[in-house]
N, C-alpha and C. Protein backbone atom coordinates (compact mmCIF):
# COMPACT_ATOMS: atom_id res chain seq x y z
N MET A 1 7.96 -12.49 -6.09
CA MET A 1 6.76 -12.47 -5.01
C MET A 1 7.48 -11.59 -3.69
N GLY A 2 6.54 -11.51 -2.58
CA GLY A 2 7.15 -11.00 -1.55
C GLY A 2 8.08 -11.78 -0.87
N ASP A 3 8.91 -11.41 0.12
CA ASP A 3 9.72 -11.90 1.10
C ASP A 3 8.83 -12.28 2.45
N SER A 4 9.30 -13.58 3.21
CA SER A 4 8.39 -13.85 4.26
C SER A 4 9.53 -13.82 5.29
N PRO A 5 9.49 -12.75 6.15
CA PRO A 5 10.32 -12.73 7.48
C PRO A 5 9.89 -13.88 8.63
N ASP A 6 8.82 -14.43 8.40
CA ASP A 6 8.46 -15.73 9.44
C ASP A 6 7.11 -16.28 8.48
N ASP A 7 6.48 -17.29 9.06
CA ASP A 7 5.46 -17.95 8.65
C ASP A 7 4.10 -17.39 8.44
N SER A 8 3.76 -16.15 9.54
CA SER A 8 2.53 -15.64 9.32
C SER A 8 2.78 -13.97 8.45
N THR A 9 3.98 -13.67 7.98
CA THR A 9 4.03 -12.34 7.62
C THR A 9 4.61 -12.48 6.08
N THR A 10 3.91 -11.76 5.23
CA THR A 10 4.65 -11.61 3.92
C THR A 10 4.54 -10.29 3.60
N ARG A 11 5.69 -9.88 2.71
CA ARG A 11 5.92 -8.41 2.67
C ARG A 11 6.08 -8.26 1.13
N PHE A 12 5.52 -7.16 0.58
CA PHE A 12 5.80 -6.67 -0.82
C PHE A 12 5.98 -5.56 -0.93
N ALA A 13 6.98 -5.05 -1.62
CA ALA A 13 7.65 -3.86 -2.07
C ALA A 13 6.72 -2.79 -2.74
N ILE A 14 6.62 -1.69 -2.17
CA ILE A 14 6.05 -0.72 -3.11
C ILE A 14 6.76 -0.32 -4.21
N ARG A 15 6.24 -0.19 -5.21
CA ARG A 15 7.12 0.22 -6.59
C ARG A 15 7.52 1.33 -6.74
N VAL A 16 9.04 1.66 -6.58
CA VAL A 16 9.50 3.11 -6.92
C VAL A 16 10.25 3.16 -8.23
N ASP A 17 9.82 3.85 -9.03
CA ASP A 17 10.63 4.40 -10.25
C ASP A 17 12.07 4.48 -9.95
N ARG A 18 12.79 3.99 -10.66
CA ARG A 18 14.58 4.14 -10.88
C ARG A 18 14.59 5.81 -10.58
N SER A 19 14.11 6.37 -11.04
CA SER A 19 14.36 7.77 -11.21
C SER A 19 13.93 8.44 -10.16
N PHE A 20 13.21 7.88 -9.10
CA PHE A 20 12.68 8.58 -7.73
C PHE A 20 13.32 7.90 -6.75
N ARG A 21 13.88 6.92 -6.75
CA ARG A 21 14.34 5.93 -5.66
C ARG A 21 15.30 7.00 -4.38
N ALA A 22 16.38 7.55 -5.28
CA ALA A 22 17.10 8.76 -4.45
C ALA A 22 16.43 9.80 -3.72
N LEU A 23 15.33 10.14 -4.47
CA LEU A 23 14.33 11.12 -3.71
C LEU A 23 13.67 10.68 -2.40
N PHE A 24 13.11 9.25 -2.71
CA PHE A 24 12.65 8.90 -1.77
C PHE A 24 13.37 8.46 -0.46
N ALA A 25 14.61 8.06 -0.69
CA ALA A 25 15.48 7.90 0.24
C ALA A 25 15.92 8.91 0.82
N ALA A 26 16.19 10.10 0.34
CA ALA A 26 16.32 11.39 0.96
C ALA A 26 15.23 11.80 1.91
N LEU A 27 13.92 11.57 1.73
CA LEU A 27 12.75 12.00 2.32
C LEU A 27 12.59 11.07 3.49
N GLY A 28 13.45 9.78 3.64
CA GLY A 28 13.21 9.10 4.76
C GLY A 28 12.28 7.59 4.28
N ALA A 29 12.06 7.63 3.05
CA ALA A 29 11.57 6.23 2.69
C ALA A 29 12.29 5.84 1.75
N GLY A 30 11.92 4.59 1.36
CA GLY A 30 12.87 3.77 0.44
C GLY A 30 12.59 2.26 0.61
N ALA A 31 13.31 1.33 0.22
CA ALA A 31 12.87 -0.19 0.03
C ALA A 31 12.62 -0.61 1.50
N ARG A 32 13.52 -0.38 2.51
CA ARG A 32 12.94 -1.07 3.73
C ARG A 32 11.83 -0.48 4.52
N GLN A 33 11.55 0.90 4.13
CA GLN A 33 10.62 1.68 4.65
C GLN A 33 9.12 1.67 4.05
N ASP A 34 8.98 1.12 2.67
CA ASP A 34 7.86 1.26 1.80
C ASP A 34 7.41 -0.34 1.32
N PHE A 35 6.30 -0.34 2.07
CA PHE A 35 5.92 -2.01 1.95
C PHE A 35 4.38 -2.14 2.14
N VAL A 36 3.79 -3.16 1.63
CA VAL A 36 2.33 -3.80 2.00
C VAL A 36 2.86 -4.93 2.75
N GLU A 37 2.24 -5.37 3.89
CA GLU A 37 2.55 -6.30 4.63
C GLU A 37 1.48 -7.16 5.07
N LEU A 38 1.28 -8.38 4.82
CA LEU A 38 0.24 -9.23 5.26
C LEU A 38 0.74 -9.98 6.17
N ARG A 39 -0.04 -9.72 7.56
CA ARG A 39 0.68 -10.18 8.70
C ARG A 39 -0.81 -10.89 9.41
N GLY A 40 -0.86 -12.23 9.34
CA GLY A 40 -2.05 -12.90 10.07
C GLY A 40 -3.14 -12.11 9.48
N GLU A 41 -4.20 -11.53 10.10
CA GLU A 41 -5.56 -10.96 9.60
C GLU A 41 -5.36 -9.36 9.48
N THR A 42 -3.95 -8.72 9.19
CA THR A 42 -3.81 -7.40 9.15
C THR A 42 -3.18 -7.53 7.78
N VAL A 43 -3.44 -6.06 7.18
CA VAL A 43 -2.76 -5.46 5.95
C VAL A 43 -2.03 -4.18 6.45
N ARG A 44 -0.79 -4.35 6.52
CA ARG A 44 -0.19 -3.05 6.85
C ARG A 44 0.26 -2.27 5.48
N VAL A 45 0.32 -1.05 5.50
CA VAL A 45 0.73 -0.18 4.29
C VAL A 45 1.78 0.98 4.94
N ARG A 46 2.90 0.94 4.35
CA ARG A 46 3.66 2.09 5.08
C ARG A 46 4.67 2.78 3.96
N LEU A 47 4.47 3.73 3.74
CA LEU A 47 5.38 4.53 2.93
C LEU A 47 6.19 5.45 3.54
N GLY A 48 7.25 4.91 4.42
CA GLY A 48 8.22 5.68 5.19
C GLY A 48 7.41 6.22 6.28
N TRP A 49 7.61 7.47 6.47
CA TRP A 49 7.01 8.10 7.77
C TRP A 49 5.82 9.38 7.01
N MET A 50 5.62 8.97 5.77
CA MET A 50 4.74 9.80 5.28
C MET A 50 3.27 9.14 5.15
N PHE A 51 2.97 7.88 5.26
CA PHE A 51 1.82 7.54 5.02
C PHE A 51 1.78 5.89 5.88
N LYS A 52 0.71 5.78 6.78
CA LYS A 52 0.66 4.29 7.29
C LYS A 52 -0.78 4.15 7.58
N VAL A 53 -1.00 2.55 7.65
CA VAL A 53 -2.14 2.32 7.89
C VAL A 53 -2.20 0.78 8.19
N SER A 54 -2.83 0.14 9.04
CA SER A 54 -3.10 -1.18 9.42
C SER A 54 -4.75 -1.50 9.22
N ILE A 55 -4.83 -2.26 8.32
CA ILE A 55 -6.36 -2.62 8.16
C ILE A 55 -6.77 -4.10 8.16
N PRO A 56 -7.65 -4.56 9.05
CA PRO A 56 -7.98 -5.94 9.41
C PRO A 56 -8.34 -6.24 7.83
N ARG A 57 -7.89 -7.56 7.72
CA ARG A 57 -8.33 -8.38 6.38
C ARG A 57 -9.81 -8.07 6.05
N THR A 58 -10.61 -8.51 7.04
CA THR A 58 -12.12 -8.45 7.21
C THR A 58 -12.62 -7.22 6.58
N ALA A 59 -11.99 -6.19 6.40
CA ALA A 59 -12.38 -4.79 6.01
C ALA A 59 -11.99 -4.62 4.34
N VAL A 60 -11.39 -5.62 3.98
CA VAL A 60 -10.98 -5.32 2.49
C VAL A 60 -11.90 -6.20 1.71
N THR A 61 -12.97 -5.50 1.25
CA THR A 61 -14.11 -6.39 0.42
C THR A 61 -13.71 -6.73 -0.93
N SER A 62 -12.92 -5.94 -1.54
CA SER A 62 -12.10 -6.44 -2.78
C SER A 62 -10.80 -5.87 -3.09
N ALA A 63 -9.99 -6.90 -3.68
CA ALA A 63 -8.55 -6.27 -4.11
C ALA A 63 -8.47 -6.96 -5.67
N GLN A 64 -7.95 -5.76 -6.44
CA GLN A 64 -7.97 -5.93 -7.82
C GLN A 64 -6.88 -5.15 -8.65
N HIS A 65 -6.42 -5.43 -9.40
CA HIS A 65 -5.44 -4.61 -10.35
C HIS A 65 -6.21 -3.65 -10.85
N HIS A 66 -5.62 -2.36 -11.05
CA HIS A 66 -6.20 -1.05 -11.46
C HIS A 66 -5.36 -0.56 -12.49
N ALA A 67 -6.07 0.38 -13.67
CA ALA A 67 -5.23 0.94 -14.59
C ALA A 67 -4.11 1.60 -14.28
N ASP A 68 -3.20 1.79 -14.61
CA ASP A 68 -2.01 2.50 -14.03
C ASP A 68 -2.49 3.84 -14.05
N MET A 69 -1.87 4.71 -13.11
CA MET A 69 -2.20 6.25 -12.97
C MET A 69 -1.07 6.96 -13.18
N PHE A 70 -1.39 8.07 -13.42
CA PHE A 70 -0.18 9.11 -14.21
C PHE A 70 -0.52 10.30 -12.98
N GLY A 71 0.51 10.76 -12.71
CA GLY A 71 0.41 12.03 -11.74
C GLY A 71 1.71 11.90 -10.94
N GLY A 72 1.42 12.21 -9.58
CA GLY A 72 2.52 12.66 -8.56
C GLY A 72 2.55 11.35 -7.95
N TRP A 73 3.97 11.36 -7.25
CA TRP A 73 4.30 10.04 -6.61
C TRP A 73 4.21 10.50 -4.87
N GLY A 74 4.01 9.61 -4.26
CA GLY A 74 4.12 9.68 -2.72
C GLY A 74 2.79 9.12 -2.05
N ALA A 75 2.10 10.02 -1.27
CA ALA A 75 0.69 9.67 -0.76
C ALA A 75 -0.21 10.85 -0.96
N HIS A 76 -1.27 10.82 -1.68
CA HIS A 76 -2.11 11.86 -1.94
C HIS A 76 -3.43 11.24 -2.07
N GLY A 77 -4.49 12.18 -1.93
CA GLY A 77 -5.87 11.74 -2.08
C GLY A 77 -6.75 12.58 -1.62
N TRP A 78 -8.05 12.26 -1.74
CA TRP A 78 -9.32 13.15 -1.12
C TRP A 78 -10.30 12.29 -1.03
N ARG A 79 -11.23 12.77 0.13
CA ARG A 79 -12.47 12.30 0.33
C ARG A 79 -12.45 10.54 0.25
N GLY A 80 -11.42 10.27 1.02
CA GLY A 80 -11.51 8.63 1.23
C GLY A 80 -10.87 7.70 0.34
N ARG A 81 -10.22 8.32 -0.77
CA ARG A 81 -9.72 7.73 -1.96
C ARG A 81 -8.20 8.12 -2.05
N TRP A 82 -7.28 7.28 -1.65
CA TRP A 82 -5.78 7.49 -1.57
C TRP A 82 -4.80 6.88 -2.49
N LEU A 83 -3.75 7.46 -2.94
CA LEU A 83 -3.03 6.67 -3.87
C LEU A 83 -1.66 6.75 -3.04
N VAL A 84 -1.02 5.56 -2.83
CA VAL A 84 0.31 5.73 -2.15
C VAL A 84 1.27 4.89 -3.23
N ASN A 85 2.20 5.70 -3.85
CA ASN A 85 2.90 5.18 -4.99
C ASN A 85 4.37 5.78 -5.18
N GLY A 86 5.10 5.15 -5.73
CA GLY A 86 6.48 5.61 -6.19
C GLY A 86 6.44 5.40 -7.72
N SER A 87 5.50 4.99 -8.37
CA SER A 87 5.49 4.70 -9.83
C SER A 87 3.98 4.61 -10.17
N SER A 88 3.60 5.04 -11.50
CA SER A 88 2.60 5.13 -12.06
C SER A 88 2.04 3.50 -12.50
N ALA A 89 2.75 2.54 -12.55
CA ALA A 89 2.70 0.82 -12.95
C ALA A 89 2.43 0.22 -11.51
N GLY A 90 1.97 -1.01 -11.62
CA GLY A 90 1.84 -1.92 -10.75
C GLY A 90 0.54 -1.54 -9.73
N ILE A 91 -0.35 -0.93 -10.22
CA ILE A 91 -1.31 -0.35 -9.04
C ILE A 91 -2.33 -1.55 -8.79
N VAL A 92 -2.74 -1.60 -7.49
CA VAL A 92 -3.62 -2.54 -6.98
C VAL A 92 -4.55 -1.73 -6.28
N GLN A 93 -5.78 -2.01 -6.46
CA GLN A 93 -6.86 -1.40 -5.78
C GLN A 93 -7.68 -2.07 -4.46
N LEU A 94 -7.82 -1.53 -3.42
CA LEU A 94 -8.31 -2.13 -2.37
C LEU A 94 -9.55 -1.30 -1.99
N ASP A 95 -10.51 -1.81 -1.91
CA ASP A 95 -11.92 -1.38 -1.50
C ASP A 95 -11.92 -1.63 0.12
N LEU A 96 -12.62 -0.68 1.08
CA LEU A 96 -12.33 -1.03 2.27
C LEU A 96 -14.09 -0.66 3.02
N GLU A 97 -14.45 -1.52 3.79
CA GLU A 97 -15.69 -1.45 4.39
C GLU A 97 -15.48 -2.32 5.76
N PRO A 98 -15.62 -1.56 6.91
CA PRO A 98 -15.79 -0.18 7.23
C PRO A 98 -14.60 0.67 6.63
N ARG A 99 -14.89 2.15 6.56
CA ARG A 99 -13.70 2.85 6.31
C ARG A 99 -12.67 2.81 7.60
N GLN A 100 -11.55 2.88 6.89
CA GLN A 100 -10.30 2.59 7.93
C GLN A 100 -9.49 4.08 8.20
N ARG A 101 -9.02 4.03 9.09
CA ARG A 101 -8.24 5.33 9.89
C ARG A 101 -6.51 5.09 9.45
N ALA A 102 -6.24 6.15 8.71
CA ALA A 102 -4.89 6.22 8.07
C ALA A 102 -4.12 7.42 8.76
N TRP A 103 -2.85 7.34 8.41
CA TRP A 103 -2.10 8.54 8.98
C TRP A 103 -1.03 9.12 8.17
N LEU A 104 -1.20 10.43 7.80
CA LEU A 104 -0.35 11.01 6.90
C LEU A 104 0.44 11.82 7.68
N LEU A 105 1.89 11.69 7.23
CA LEU A 105 2.88 12.56 7.81
C LEU A 105 2.97 12.23 9.32
N SER A 106 2.40 11.07 9.79
CA SER A 106 2.29 10.29 11.16
C SER A 106 1.49 11.57 12.11
N ILE A 107 0.78 12.55 11.72
CA ILE A 107 0.19 13.40 12.64
C ILE A 107 -1.31 13.79 11.99
N TRP A 108 -1.64 13.43 10.60
CA TRP A 108 -2.82 13.80 10.17
C TRP A 108 -3.90 12.50 10.00
N PRO A 109 -4.65 12.62 10.87
CA PRO A 109 -5.58 11.33 10.47
C PRO A 109 -6.42 11.59 9.20
N LEU A 110 -6.59 10.40 8.53
CA LEU A 110 -7.49 10.45 7.36
C LEU A 110 -8.21 9.18 7.17
N THR A 111 -9.43 9.06 6.49
CA THR A 111 -10.18 8.10 6.56
C THR A 111 -10.04 7.48 5.05
N LEU A 112 -10.08 6.31 4.86
CA LEU A 112 -9.98 5.32 3.84
C LEU A 112 -11.33 4.70 3.26
N ARG A 113 -11.54 4.75 2.11
CA ARG A 113 -12.52 3.85 1.54
C ARG A 113 -12.17 2.97 0.59
N VAL A 114 -11.16 3.78 -0.35
CA VAL A 114 -10.52 3.13 -1.36
C VAL A 114 -8.72 3.21 -1.35
N LEU A 115 -8.05 2.30 -1.26
CA LEU A 115 -6.58 2.51 -1.42
C LEU A 115 -5.98 2.05 -2.41
N TYR A 116 -5.19 3.05 -3.41
CA TYR A 116 -4.50 2.31 -4.52
C TYR A 116 -3.07 2.52 -4.18
N VAL A 117 -2.31 1.34 -4.31
CA VAL A 117 -0.95 1.37 -4.19
C VAL A 117 -0.17 0.52 -5.25
N SER A 118 1.07 1.12 -5.49
CA SER A 118 2.04 0.45 -6.51
C SER A 118 2.58 -0.34 -5.83
N LEU A 119 3.03 -1.45 -6.55
CA LEU A 119 3.50 -2.72 -5.96
C LEU A 119 4.60 -3.16 -7.07
N ASP A 120 5.92 -3.46 -6.68
CA ASP A 120 6.87 -4.42 -7.59
C ASP A 120 5.87 -5.79 -7.94
N ASP A 121 5.07 -6.31 -7.21
CA ASP A 121 4.66 -7.50 -7.71
C ASP A 121 3.25 -7.73 -7.35
N PRO A 122 2.37 -7.13 -8.09
CA PRO A 122 0.97 -6.89 -7.77
C PRO A 122 0.12 -8.30 -7.96
N HIS A 123 0.63 -9.13 -8.78
CA HIS A 123 0.15 -10.51 -8.99
C HIS A 123 0.12 -11.10 -7.95
N GLY A 124 1.50 -11.28 -7.50
CA GLY A 124 1.85 -12.06 -6.10
C GLY A 124 0.95 -11.67 -4.88
N PHE A 125 0.83 -10.20 -4.62
CA PHE A 125 0.01 -9.47 -3.67
C PHE A 125 -1.33 -10.00 -3.74
N LEU A 126 -1.97 -9.89 -4.94
CA LEU A 126 -3.30 -10.37 -4.88
C LEU A 126 -3.66 -11.97 -4.99
N ALA A 127 -2.48 -12.57 -5.34
CA ALA A 127 -2.87 -14.14 -4.97
C ALA A 127 -2.86 -14.30 -3.34
N ALA A 128 -1.78 -13.67 -2.85
CA ALA A 128 -1.66 -13.88 -1.11
C ALA A 128 -2.96 -13.32 -0.70
N ILE A 129 -3.53 -12.15 -1.11
CA ILE A 129 -4.69 -11.71 -0.25
C ILE A 129 -5.93 -12.26 -0.68
N GLY A 130 -5.92 -12.90 -1.59
CA GLY A 130 -7.12 -13.53 -2.36
C GLY A 130 -8.06 -14.28 -1.19
N SER A 131 -7.21 -15.19 -0.59
CA SER A 131 -8.44 -15.93 0.46
C SER A 131 -8.93 -14.91 1.59
N GLY A 132 -8.35 -14.06 1.73
CA GLY A 132 -8.67 -13.16 2.72
C GLY A 132 -9.77 -11.96 2.33
N VAL A 133 -9.95 -12.13 1.17
CA VAL A 133 -10.86 -10.86 0.80
C VAL A 133 -12.50 -11.60 0.88
N ALA A 134 -13.35 -10.74 1.53
CA ALA A 134 -14.65 -11.19 1.38
C ALA A 134 -15.24 -11.24 0.29
């Protein structure tokens, strides 16, 4: 399960396959910089400096397991559907309404309507966010 820096924050690690950990660390991502965090009424997602978003829990209309995905690792997407991952396993899907503003490489704004993210503990995350999903 995620660790709790304080009573109102729970952090879940983004899953990064062992073979990619050194590459992620070299790119300024890694265990301390890659997370999904539930803080009060906000869901924060960060993949180092490559991707970041803060989402009000009220904008998360559903959260569910998603079939594992194959393909690239990092932050990538198109037309409002983005995948933030370091693994093709442990994928969680968040459906968002209204659409949310996220940032790619800290300079390019993008709009999210669906966010997929690979997590070390997808079950724990879904249990934790469950009460906050509309």
